[in-house]
Amino acid sequence: MEELKGYQRRRLDLADVIRATLYIARVYGDGQREQEARQLLERLASGRFQLAVAGQFSRGKTTLLNALLGAAYLPMGALPMTSVVTTVRYGSRPRATVRRRGSPLPVDAPLTDVARFVAQASPSGPSCR
């Protein structure tokens, strides 16, 4: 719990720095920097961050992500498994949404079917993004 409080303090400190930058940009009439500072404040307020995990085949990237998630949501195996970009987001309930190339509509899929869409050897995999 202490880590969470530290994270929240750092976010507030960072927001203070960005607001100071916004003020300076406004004083000097730098509209571009002012807009950038506003966008940074919006991103910070959203409470979201992006983490990219990249590396060689079969080096434990998916194992690490499943450990962080607290369950085996992503498929693991001895052979390279994940062949598409896979985005994980926090939600009120576990679910999988699949977006296929060429289709603007996402489709909900059972969590048990995630491997079918992201596995390198799966016929469904290459058509996903």
C-alpha atoms as a PDB file:
ATOM      1  CA  MET A   1       0.000   0.000   0.000  1.00  0.00           C
ATOM      2  CA  GLU A   2       2.940   2.299   0.708  1.00  0.00           C
ATOM      3  CA  GLU A   3       4.089   1.886  -2.918  1.00  0.00           C
ATOM      4  CA  LEU A   4       0.711   3.111  -4.137  1.00  0.00           C
ATOM      5  CA  LYS A   5       0.909   6.190  -1.917  1.00  0.00           C
ATOM      6  CA  GLY A   6       4.416   6.886  -3.231  1.00  0.00           C
ATOM      7  CA  TYR A   7       3.167   6.556  -6.802  1.00  0.00           C
ATOM      8  CA  GLN A   8       0.311   8.971  -6.093  1.00  0.00           C
ATOM      9  CA  ARG A   9       2.718  11.491  -4.532  1.00  0.00           C
ATOM     10  CA  ARG A  10       4.983  11.296  -7.569  1.00  0.00           C
ATOM     11  CA  ARG A  11       2.014  11.856  -9.879  1.00  0.00           C
ATOM     12  CA  LEU A  12       1.004  14.948  -7.888  1.00  0.00           C
ATOM     13  CA  ASP A  13       4.585  16.262  -7.922  1.00  0.00           C
ATOM     14  CA  LEU A  14       4.793  15.711 -11.672  1.00  0.00           C
ATOM     15  CA  ALA A  15       1.469  17.509 -12.146  1.00  0.00           C
ATOM     16  CA  ASP A  16       2.882  20.482 -10.228  1.00  0.00           C
ATOM     17  CA  VAL A  17       5.915  20.599 -12.528  1.00  0.00           C
ATOM     18  CA  ILE A  18       3.721  20.396 -15.637  1.00  0.00           C
ATOM     19  CA  ARG A  19       1.428  23.165 -14.325  1.00  0.00           C
ATOM     20  CA  ALA A  20       4.481  25.360 -13.724  1.00  0.00           C
ATOM     21  CA  THR A  21       5.614  24.685 -17.281  1.00  0.00           C
ATOM     22  CA  LEU A  22       2.117  25.535 -18.521  1.00  0.00           C
ATOM     23  CA  TYR A  23       2.237  28.851 -16.646  1.00  0.00           C
ATOM     24  CA  ILE A  24       5.673  29.729 -18.057  1.00  0.00           C
ATOM     25  CA  ALA A  25       4.559  28.864 -21.592  1.00  0.00           C
ATOM     26  CA  ARG A  26       1.485  31.068 -21.157  1.00  0.00           C
ATOM     27  CA  VAL A  27       3.559  33.993 -19.819  1.00  0.00           C
ATOM     28  CA  TYR A  28       5.947  33.795 -22.784  1.00  0.00           C
ATOM     29  CA  GLY A  29       3.143  33.308 -25.301  1.00  0.00           C
ATOM     30  CA  ASP A  30       4.359  29.890 -26.417  1.00  0.00           C
ATOM     31  CA  GLY A  31       1.066  28.371 -27.522  1.00  0.00           C
ATOM     32  CA  GLN A  32       2.623  25.135 -28.711  1.00  0.00           C
ATOM     33  CA  ARG A  33       4.332  24.401 -25.383  1.00  0.00           C
ATOM     34  CA  GLU A  34       1.182  25.423 -23.518  1.00  0.00           C
ATOM     35  CA  GLN A  35      -0.864  22.948 -25.549  1.00  0.00           C
ATOM     36  CA  GLU A  36       1.725  20.201 -24.998  1.00  0.00           C
ATOM     37  CA  ALA A  37       1.647  20.831 -21.254  1.00  0.00           C
ATOM     38  CA  ARG A  38      -2.154  20.617 -21.259  1.00  0.00           C
ATOM     39  CA  GLN A  39      -2.002  17.305 -23.116  1.00  0.00           C
ATOM     40  CA  LEU A  40       0.529  15.964 -20.612  1.00  0.00           C
ATOM     41  CA  LEU A  41      -1.742  16.955 -17.726  1.00  0.00           C
ATOM     42  CA  GLU A  42      -4.658  15.133 -19.381  1.00  0.00           C
ATOM     43  CA  ARG A  43      -2.557  11.990 -19.856  1.00  0.00           C
ATOM     44  CA  LEU A  44      -1.362  12.141 -16.270  1.00  0.00           C
ATOM     45  CA  ALA A  45      -4.913  12.618 -14.982  1.00  0.00           C
ATOM     46  CA  SER A  46      -6.101   9.530 -16.869  1.00  0.00           C
ATOM     47  CA  GLY A  47      -3.951   7.353 -14.599  1.00  0.00           C
ATOM     48  CA  ARG A  48      -2.942   5.094 -17.500  1.00  0.00           C
ATOM     49  CA  PHE A  49       0.518   4.196 -18.680  1.00  0.00           C
ATOM     50  CA  GLN A  50       1.897   2.073 -21.457  1.00  0.00           C
ATOM     51  CA  LEU A  51       4.476  -0.621 -20.972  1.00  0.00           C
ATOM     52  CA  ALA A  52       6.031  -2.339 -23.975  1.00  0.00           C
ATOM     53  CA  VAL A  53       7.555  -5.761 -23.409  1.00  0.00           C
ATOM     54  CA  ALA A  54       9.905  -6.825 -26.187  1.00  0.00           C
ATOM     55  CA  GLY A  55      12.606  -9.437 -26.505  1.00  0.00           C
ATOM     56  CA  GLN A  56      13.755 -12.595 -28.173  1.00  0.00           C
ATOM     57  CA  PHE A  57      11.486 -15.606 -28.615  1.00  0.00           C
ATOM     58  CA  SER A  58      10.765 -17.736 -25.548  1.00  0.00           C
ATOM     59  CA  ARG A  59      12.500 -15.543 -22.993  1.00  0.00           C
ATOM     60  CA  GLY A  60       9.642 -15.212 -20.476  1.00  0.00           C
ATOM     61  CA  LYS A  61       7.844 -12.056 -21.602  1.00  0.00           C
ATOM     62  CA  THR A  62       4.395 -13.647 -21.412  1.00  0.00           C
ATOM     63  CA  THR A  63       5.247 -15.382 -18.157  1.00  0.00           C
ATOM     64  CA  LEU A  64       6.170 -11.993 -16.694  1.00  0.00           C
ATOM     65  CA  LEU A  65       2.939 -10.388 -17.913  1.00  0.00           C
ATOM     66  CA  ASN A  66       0.802 -13.223 -16.552  1.00  0.00           C
ATOM     67  CA  ALA A  67       2.586 -12.888 -13.198  1.00  0.00           C
ATOM     68  CA  LEU A  68       1.852  -9.142 -13.153  1.00  0.00           C
ATOM     69  CA  LEU A  69      -1.780  -9.814 -14.078  1.00  0.00           C
ATOM     70  CA  GLY A  70      -2.127 -12.450 -11.371  1.00  0.00           C
ATOM     71  CA  ALA A  71      -3.508 -15.147 -13.688  1.00  0.00           C
ATOM     72  CA  ALA A  72      -2.572 -16.977 -16.890  1.00  0.00           C
ATOM     73  CA  TYR A  73      -4.591 -14.828 -19.298  1.00  0.00           C
ATOM     74  CA  LEU A  74      -2.015 -14.949 -22.103  1.00  0.00           C
ATOM     75  CA  PRO A  75      -0.919 -18.241 -23.675  1.00  0.00           C
ATOM     76  CA  MET A  76       2.478 -19.705 -22.845  1.00  0.00           C
ATOM     77  CA  GLY A  77       4.366 -22.587 -24.370  1.00  0.00           C
ATOM     78  CA  ALA A  78       7.768 -23.990 -25.260  1.00  0.00           C
ATOM     79  CA  LEU A  79       7.421 -22.703 -28.823  1.00  0.00           C
ATOM     80  CA  PRO A  80       6.994 -19.011 -29.700  1.00  0.00           C
ATOM     81  CA  MET A  81       3.349 -18.272 -28.975  1.00  0.00           C
ATOM     82  CA  THR A  82       2.434 -14.605 -29.394  1.00  0.00           C
ATOM     83  CA  SER A  83       2.566 -13.407 -32.990  1.00  0.00           C
ATOM     84  CA  VAL A  84       0.417 -10.269 -32.826  1.00  0.00           C
ATOM     85  CA  VAL A  85       0.468  -7.090 -30.788  1.00  0.00           C
ATOM     86  CA  THR A  86      -1.554  -7.815 -27.671  1.00  0.00           C
ATOM     87  CA  THR A  87      -2.869  -5.000 -25.498  1.00  0.00           C
ATOM     88  CA  VAL A  88      -3.845  -5.619 -21.885  1.00  0.00           C
ATOM     89  CA  ARG A  89      -6.025  -3.099 -20.072  1.00  0.00           C
ATOM     90  CA  TYR A  90      -7.575  -2.922 -16.653  1.00  0.00           C
ATOM     91  CA  GLY A  91     -11.325  -3.537 -16.543  1.00  0.00           C
ATOM     92  CA  SER A  92     -14.059  -4.356 -14.077  1.00  0.00           C
ATOM     93  CA  ARG A  93     -14.127  -7.968 -15.285  1.00  0.00           C
ATOM     94  CA  PRO A  94     -11.740 -10.182 -17.265  1.00  0.00           C
ATOM     95  CA  ARG A  95     -12.633 -10.325 -20.961  1.00  0.00           C
ATOM     96  CA  ALA A  96     -11.007 -10.478 -24.371  1.00  0.00           C
ATOM     97  CA  THR A  97     -11.776  -8.230 -27.317  1.00  0.00           C
ATOM     98  CA  VAL A  98     -10.439  -9.169 -30.738  1.00  0.00           C
ATOM     99  CA  ARG A  99      -9.899  -6.644 -33.513  1.00  0.00           C
ATOM    100  CA  ARG A 100      -9.365  -8.127 -36.966  1.00  0.00           C
ATOM    101  CA  ARG A 101      -7.651  -6.410 -39.852  1.00  0.00           C
ATOM    102  CA  GLY A 102     -10.134  -4.907 -42.252  1.00  0.00           C
ATOM    103  CA  SER A 103     -13.003  -4.944 -39.776  1.00  0.00           C
ATOM    104  CA  PRO A 104     -13.884  -1.802 -37.826  1.00  0.00           C
ATOM    105  CA  LEU A 105     -15.925  -3.726 -35.252  1.00  0.00           C
ATOM    106  CA  PRO A 106     -14.266  -5.491 -32.312  1.00  0.00           C
ATOM    107  CA  VAL A 107     -15.604  -8.876 -31.221  1.00  0.00           C
ATOM    108  CA  ASP A 108     -15.730 -10.144 -27.634  1.00  0.00           C
ATOM    109  CA  ALA A 109     -14.191 -13.592 -27.209  1.00  0.00           C
ATOM    110  CA  PRO A 110     -13.992 -15.959 -24.246  1.00  0.00           C
ATOM    111  CA  LEU A 111     -10.697 -15.704 -22.367  1.00  0.00           C
ATOM    112  CA  THR A 112     -10.139 -19.375 -23.077  1.00  0.00           C
ATOM    113  CA  ASP A 113      -9.971 -18.513 -26.815  1.00  0.00           C
ATOM    114  CA  VAL A 114      -7.228 -15.868 -26.537  1.00  0.00           C
ATOM    115  CA  ALA A 115      -4.542 -18.368 -27.565  1.00  0.00           C
ATOM    116  CA  ARG A 116      -6.451 -19.064 -30.779  1.00  0.00           C
ATOM    117  CA  PHE A 117      -6.110 -15.414 -31.791  1.00  0.00           C
ATOM    118  CA  VAL A 118      -2.560 -14.628 -30.698  1.00  0.00           C
ATOM    119  CA  ALA A 119      -0.680 -17.918 -31.116  1.00  0.00           C
ATOM    120  CA  GLN A 120       1.823 -18.036 -33.949  1.00  0.00           C
ATOM    121  CA  ALA A 121       0.692 -21.463 -35.142  1.00  0.00           C
ATOM    122  CA  SER A 122      -3.009 -20.589 -35.073  1.00  0.00           C
ATOM    123  CA  PRO A 123      -4.866 -20.037 -38.367  1.00  0.00           C
ATOM    124  CA  SER A 124      -6.867 -17.253 -36.680  1.00  0.00           C
ATOM    125  CA  GLY A 125      -3.739 -15.423 -35.484  1.00  0.00           C
ATOM    126  CA  PRO A 126      -2.347 -13.786 -38.633  1.00  0.00           C
ATOM    127  CA  SER A 127      -5.638 -12.013 -39.388  1.00  0.00           C
ATOM    128  CA  CYS A 128      -5.698 -10.218 -36.044  1.00  0.00           C
ATOM    129  CA  ARG A 129      -3.938  -7.032 -35.138  1.00  0.00           C
END
